[in-house]
Amino acid sequence: MAEYTTRDIIAMIFAFFLPPIGVGLVRGCHVDLFINIGLTLLGFIPGIAHAFYIIYKHRIH
């Protein structure tokens, strides 16, 4: 079962409304942030999906 930290939950809330901010909180200024900005500009839903994927992938275990 996945246990999420407070940081992950805050990032998920931001990711739902402004996906690049959610990714930026987790990854900082990396390629993932620029990919997410592009996906968000192309369509809001792909940006949200990518943000949640990045948050899940890089959560603290």
PDB file of N, CA and C in Angstrom:
ATOM      1  N   MET A   1       0.844  -1.181   0.000  1.00  0.00           N
ATOM      2  CA  MET A   1       0.000   0.000   0.000  1.00  0.00           C
ATOM      3  C   MET A   1       0.891   1.246   0.000  1.00  0.00           C
ATOM      4  N   ALA A   2       0.540   2.195  -0.807  1.00  0.00           N
ATOM      5  CA  ALA A   2       1.339   3.412  -0.934  1.00  0.00           C
ATOM      6  C   ALA A   2       1.072   4.353   0.231  1.00  0.00           C
ATOM      7  N   GLU A   3       2.151   4.790   0.851  1.00  0.00           N
ATOM      8  CA  GLU A   3       2.034   5.780   1.910  1.00  0.00           C
ATOM      9  C   GLU A   3       2.597   7.085   1.385  1.00  0.00           C
ATOM     10  N   TYR A   4       1.782   8.113   1.392  1.00  0.00           N
ATOM     11  CA  TYR A   4       2.186   9.403   0.867  1.00  0.00           C
ATOM     12  C   TYR A   4       2.516  10.354   2.004  1.00  0.00           C
ATOM     13  N   THR A   5       3.559  11.142   1.798  1.00  0.00           N
ATOM     14  CA  THR A   5       3.947  12.139   2.786  1.00  0.00           C
ATOM     15  C   THR A   5       3.118  13.401   2.567  1.00  0.00           C
ATOM     16  N   THR A   6       3.237  14.325   3.497  1.00  0.00           N
ATOM     17  CA  THR A   6       2.537  15.595   3.373  1.00  0.00           C
ATOM     18  C   THR A   6       2.987  16.334   2.116  1.00  0.00           C
ATOM     19  N   ARG A   7       4.269  16.252   1.814  1.00  0.00           N
ATOM     20  CA  ARG A   7       4.801  16.884   0.603  1.00  0.00           C
ATOM     21  C   ARG A   7       4.134  16.321  -0.641  1.00  0.00           C
ATOM     22  N   ASP A   8       3.933  15.005  -0.687  1.00  0.00           N
ATOM     23  CA  ASP A   8       3.290  14.374  -1.841  1.00  0.00           C
ATOM     24  C   ASP A   8       1.840  14.825  -1.981  1.00  0.00           C
ATOM     25  N   ILE A   9       1.131  14.921  -0.880  1.00  0.00           N
ATOM     26  CA  ILE A   9      -0.272  15.323  -0.923  1.00  0.00           C
ATOM     27  C   ILE A   9      -0.407  16.771  -1.379  1.00  0.00           C
ATOM     28  N   ILE A  10       0.466  17.645  -0.885  1.00  0.00           N
ATOM     29  CA  ILE A  10       0.448  19.043  -1.324  1.00  0.00           C
ATOM     30  C   ILE A  10       0.776  19.128  -2.810  1.00  0.00           C
ATOM     31  N   ALA A  11       1.745  18.348  -3.263  1.00  0.00           N
ATOM     32  CA  ALA A  11       2.101  18.333  -4.680  1.00  0.00           C
ATOM     33  C   ALA A  11       0.932  17.833  -5.526  1.00  0.00           C
ATOM     34  N   MET A  12       0.177  16.854  -5.034  1.00  0.00           N
ATOM     35  CA  MET A  12      -0.986  16.351  -5.772  1.00  0.00           C
ATOM     36  C   MET A  12      -2.077  17.416  -5.883  1.00  0.00           C
ATOM     37  N   ILE A  13      -2.277  18.172  -4.828  1.00  0.00           N
ATOM     38  CA  ILE A  13      -3.281  19.241  -4.881  1.00  0.00           C
ATOM     39  C   ILE A  13      -2.873  20.282  -5.920  1.00  0.00           C
ATOM     40  N   PHE A  14      -1.612  20.694  -5.895  1.00  0.00           N
ATOM     41  CA  PHE A  14      -1.129  21.641  -6.901  1.00  0.00           C
ATOM     42  C   PHE A  14      -1.193  21.027  -8.292  1.00  0.00           C
ATOM     43  N   ALA A  15      -0.869  19.740  -8.409  1.00  0.00           N
ATOM     44  CA  ALA A  15      -0.862  19.072  -9.715  1.00  0.00           C
ATOM     45  C   ALA A  15      -2.245  19.035 -10.339  1.00  0.00           C
ATOM     46  N   PHE A  16      -3.270  18.989  -9.529  1.00  0.00           N
ATOM     47  CA  PHE A  16      -4.627  18.949 -10.064  1.00  0.00           C
ATOM     48  C   PHE A  16      -5.029  20.290 -10.671  1.00  0.00           C
ATOM     49  N   PHE A  17      -4.624  21.380 -10.039  1.00  0.00           N
ATOM     50  CA  PHE A  17      -5.021  22.706 -10.510  1.00  0.00           C
ATOM     51  C   PHE A  17      -3.988  23.341 -11.454  1.00  0.00           C
ATOM     52  N   LEU A  18      -2.714  23.207 -11.139  1.00  0.00           N
ATOM     53  CA  LEU A  18      -1.623  23.747 -11.962  1.00  0.00           C
ATOM     54  C   LEU A  18      -0.517  22.695 -12.036  1.00  0.00           C
ATOM     55  N   PRO A  19      -0.606  21.779 -12.996  1.00  0.00           N
ATOM     56  CA  PRO A  19       0.331  20.647 -13.053  1.00  0.00           C
ATOM     57  C   PRO A  19       1.816  20.995 -13.007  1.00  0.00           C
ATOM     58  N   PRO A  20       2.299  22.040 -13.699  1.00  0.00           N
ATOM     59  CA  PRO A  20       3.739  22.314 -13.622  1.00  0.00           C
ATOM     60  C   PRO A  20       4.221  22.659 -12.207  1.00  0.00           C
ATOM     61  N   ILE A  21       3.376  23.267 -11.410  1.00  0.00           N
ATOM     62  CA  ILE A  21       3.786  23.575 -10.036  1.00  0.00           C
ATOM     63  C   ILE A  21       3.936  22.296  -9.224  1.00  0.00           C
ATOM     64  N   GLY A  22       3.021  21.346  -9.409  1.00  0.00           N
ATOM     65  CA  GLY A  22       3.135  20.062  -8.717  1.00  0.00           C
ATOM     66  C   GLY A  22       4.402  19.323  -9.079  1.00  0.00           C
ATOM     67  N   VAL A  23       4.751  19.322 -10.366  1.00  0.00           N
ATOM     68  CA  VAL A  23       5.983  18.672 -10.815  1.00  0.00           C
ATOM     69  C   VAL A  23       7.195  19.430 -10.292  1.00  0.00           C
ATOM     70  N   GLY A  24       7.125  20.749 -10.312  1.00  0.00           N
ATOM     71  CA  GLY A  24       8.236  21.563  -9.826  1.00  0.00           C
ATOM     72  C   GLY A  24       8.518  21.348  -8.350  1.00  0.00           C
ATOM     73  N   LEU A  25       7.472  21.111  -7.564  1.00  0.00           N
ATOM     74  CA  LEU A  25       7.672  20.852  -6.134  1.00  0.00           C
ATOM     75  C   LEU A  25       8.421  19.543  -5.899  1.00  0.00           C
ATOM     76  N   VAL A  26       8.166  18.573  -6.756  1.00  0.00           N
ATOM     77  CA  VAL A  26       8.770  17.255  -6.568  1.00  0.00           C
ATOM     78  C   VAL A  26      10.140  17.165  -7.228  1.00  0.00           C
ATOM     79  N   ARG A  27      10.257  17.661  -8.464  1.00  0.00           N
ATOM     80  CA  ARG A  27      11.488  17.463  -9.241  1.00  0.00           C
ATOM     81  C   ARG A  27      12.371  18.694  -9.352  1.00  0.00           C
ATOM     82  N   GLY A  28      11.841  19.867  -9.100  1.00  0.00           N
ATOM     83  CA  GLY A  28      12.627  21.073  -9.304  1.00  0.00           C
ATOM     84  C   GLY A  28      12.681  21.403 -10.783  1.00  0.00           C
ATOM     85  N   CYS A  29      13.730  22.084 -11.192  1.00  0.00           N
ATOM     86  CA  CYS A  29      13.861  22.524 -12.592  1.00  0.00           C
ATOM     87  C   CYS A  29      14.612  21.460 -13.386  1.00  0.00           C
ATOM     88  N   HIS A  30      13.925  20.373 -13.691  1.00  0.00           N
ATOM     89  CA  HIS A  30      14.490  19.277 -14.475  1.00  0.00           C
ATOM     90  C   HIS A  30      13.706  19.156 -15.768  1.00  0.00           C
ATOM     91  N   VAL A  31      14.093  18.213 -16.603  1.00  0.00           N
ATOM     92  CA  VAL A  31      13.428  17.992 -17.878  1.00  0.00           C
ATOM     93  C   VAL A  31      11.954  17.666 -17.670  1.00  0.00           C
ATOM     94  N   ASP A  32      11.630  16.962 -16.583  1.00  0.00           N
ATOM     95  CA  ASP A  32      10.238  16.612 -16.312  1.00  0.00           C
ATOM     96  C   ASP A  32       9.352  17.848 -16.222  1.00  0.00           C
ATOM     97  N   LEU A  33       9.857  18.924 -15.676  1.00  0.00           N
ATOM     98  CA  LEU A  33       9.087  20.161 -15.566  1.00  0.00           C
ATOM     99  C   LEU A  33       8.767  20.714 -16.954  1.00  0.00           C
ATOM    100  N   PHE A  34       9.745  20.725 -17.843  1.00  0.00           N
ATOM    101  CA  PHE A  34       9.524  21.270 -19.181  1.00  0.00           C
ATOM    102  C   PHE A  34       8.611  20.369 -20.017  1.00  0.00           C
ATOM    103  N   ILE A  35       8.714  19.073 -19.822  1.00  0.00           N
ATOM    104  CA  ILE A  35       7.785  18.150 -20.484  1.00  0.00           C
ATOM    105  C   ILE A  35       6.373  18.421 -20.004  1.00  0.00           C
ATOM    106  N   ASN A  36       6.212  18.624 -18.713  1.00  0.00           N
ATOM    107  CA  ASN A  36       4.890  18.878 -18.164  1.00  0.00           C
ATOM    108  C   ASN A  36       4.319  20.202 -18.649  1.00  0.00           C
ATOM    109  N   ILE A  37       5.145  21.220 -18.750  1.00  0.00           N
ATOM    110  CA  ILE A  37       4.666  22.503 -19.274  1.00  0.00           C
ATOM    111  C   ILE A  37       4.150  22.319 -20.698  1.00  0.00           C
ATOM    112  N   GLY A  38       4.888  21.594 -21.513  1.00  0.00           N
ATOM    113  CA  GLY A  38       4.457  21.331 -22.882  1.00  0.00           C
ATOM    114  C   GLY A  38       3.154  20.552 -22.943  1.00  0.00           C
ATOM    115  N   LEU A  39       3.040  19.513 -22.127  1.00  0.00           N
ATOM    116  CA  LEU A  39       1.807  18.726 -22.108  1.00  0.00           C
ATOM    117  C   LEU A  39       0.625  19.548 -21.614  1.00  0.00           C
ATOM    118  N   THR A  40       0.857  20.406 -20.643  1.00  0.00           N
ATOM    119  CA  THR A  40      -0.218  21.246 -20.123  1.00  0.00           C
ATOM    120  C   THR A  40      -0.671  22.246 -21.186  1.00  0.00           C
ATOM    121  N   LEU A  41       0.252  22.775 -21.959  1.00  0.00           N
ATOM    122  CA  LEU A  41      -0.118  23.701 -23.026  1.00  0.00           C
ATOM    123  C   LEU A  41      -0.867  22.997 -24.154  1.00  0.00           C
ATOM    124  N   LEU A  42      -0.515  21.751 -24.434  1.00  0.00           N
ATOM    125  CA  LEU A  42      -1.204  20.997 -25.482  1.00  0.00           C
ATOM    126  C   LEU A  42      -2.592  20.543 -25.048  1.00  0.00           C
ATOM    127  N   GLY A  43      -2.741  20.251 -23.790  1.00  0.00           N
ATOM    128  CA  GLY A  43      -4.024  19.803 -23.260  1.00  0.00           C
ATOM    129  C   GLY A  43      -3.900  19.653 -21.766  1.00  0.00           C
ATOM    130  N   PHE A  44      -4.835  20.181 -21.055  1.00  0.00           N
ATOM    131  CA  PHE A  44      -4.724  20.216 -19.602  1.00  0.00           C
ATOM    132  C   PHE A  44      -4.703  18.813 -18.984  1.00  0.00           C
ATOM    133  N   ILE A  45      -5.494  17.896 -19.507  1.00  0.00           N
ATOM    134  CA  ILE A  45      -5.588  16.538 -18.954  1.00  0.00           C
ATOM    135  C   ILE A  45      -4.261  15.779 -19.082  1.00  0.00           C
ATOM    136  N   PRO A  46      -3.557  15.821 -20.216  1.00  0.00           N
ATOM    137  CA  PRO A  46      -2.249  15.148 -20.266  1.00  0.00           C
ATOM    138  C   PRO A  46      -1.258  15.720 -19.262  1.00  0.00           C
ATOM    139  N   GLY A  47      -1.328  17.024 -19.016  1.00  0.00           N
ATOM    140  CA  GLY A  47      -0.450  17.641 -18.021  1.00  0.00           C
ATOM    141  C   GLY A  47      -0.739  17.122 -16.618  1.00  0.00           C
ATOM    142  N   ILE A  48      -2.020  16.966 -16.301  1.00  0.00           N
ATOM    143  CA  ILE A  48      -2.403  16.439 -14.989  1.00  0.00           C
ATOM    144  C   ILE A  48      -1.939  14.987 -14.852  1.00  0.00           C
ATOM    145  N   ALA A  49      -2.172  14.185 -15.877  1.00  0.00           N
ATOM    146  CA  ALA A  49      -1.766  12.769 -15.824  1.00  0.00           C
ATOM    147  C   ALA A  49      -0.262  12.643 -15.651  1.00  0.00           C
ATOM    148  N   HIS A  50       0.499  13.432 -16.377  1.00  0.00           N
ATOM    149  CA  HIS A  50       1.958  13.388 -16.261  1.00  0.00           C
ATOM    150  C   HIS A  50       2.399  13.839 -14.872  1.00  0.00           C
ATOM    151  N   ALA A  51       1.766  14.860 -14.330  1.00  0.00           N
ATOM    152  CA  ALA A  51       2.127  15.346 -13.001  1.00  0.00           C
ATOM    153  C   ALA A  51       1.898  14.269 -11.940  1.00  0.00           C
ATOM    154  N   PHE A  52       0.750  13.601 -12.007  1.00  0.00           N
ATOM    155  CA  PHE A  52       0.492  12.545 -11.027  1.00  0.00           C
ATOM    156  C   PHE A  52       1.462  11.377 -11.202  1.00  0.00           C
ATOM    157  N   TYR A  53       1.832  11.076 -12.438  1.00  0.00           N
ATOM    158  CA  TYR A  53       2.811  10.016 -12.675  1.00  0.00           C
ATOM    159  C   TYR A  53       4.161  10.378 -12.056  1.00  0.00           C
ATOM    160  N   ILE A  54       4.615  11.601 -12.252  1.00  0.00           N
ATOM    161  CA  ILE A  54       5.900  12.038 -11.704  1.00  0.00           C
ATOM    162  C   ILE A  54       5.857  12.027 -10.179  1.00  0.00           C
ATOM    163  N   ILE A  55       4.765  12.486  -9.593  1.00  0.00           N
ATOM    164  CA  ILE A  55       4.647  12.486  -8.139  1.00  0.00           C
ATOM    165  C   ILE A  55       4.689  11.060  -7.606  1.00  0.00           C
ATOM    166  N   TYR A  56       3.982  10.135  -8.269  1.00  0.00           N
ATOM    167  CA  TYR A  56       3.990   8.739  -7.836  1.00  0.00           C
ATOM    168  C   TYR A  56       5.377   8.116  -8.001  1.00  0.00           C
ATOM    169  N   LYS A  57       6.012   8.388  -9.133  1.00  0.00           N
ATOM    170  CA  LYS A  57       7.312   7.800  -9.432  1.00  0.00           C
ATOM    171  C   LYS A  57       8.410   8.265  -8.481  1.00  0.00           C
ATOM    172  N   HIS A  58       8.347   9.518  -8.046  1.00  0.00           N
ATOM    173  CA  HIS A  58       9.431  10.089  -7.245  1.00  0.00           C
ATOM    174  C   HIS A  58       9.040  10.325  -5.795  1.00  0.00           C
ATOM    175  N   ARG A  59       8.055   9.592  -5.301  1.00  0.00           N
ATOM    176  CA  ARG A  59       7.688   9.763  -3.895  1.00  0.00           C
ATOM    177  C   ARG A  59       8.733   9.108  -3.008  1.00  0.00           C
ATOM    178  N   ILE A  60       8.795   9.555  -1.783  1.00  0.00           N
ATOM    179  CA  ILE A  60       9.760   9.004  -0.831  1.00  0.00           C
ATOM    180  C   ILE A  60       9.242   7.664  -0.334  1.00  0.00           C
ATOM    181  N   HIS A  61      10.063   6.655  -0.427  1.00  0.00           N
ATOM    182  CA  HIS A  61       9.653   5.306  -0.017  1.00  0.00           C
ATOM    183  C   HIS A  61       9.934   5.069   1.436  1.00  0.00           C
TER     184      HIS A  61
END
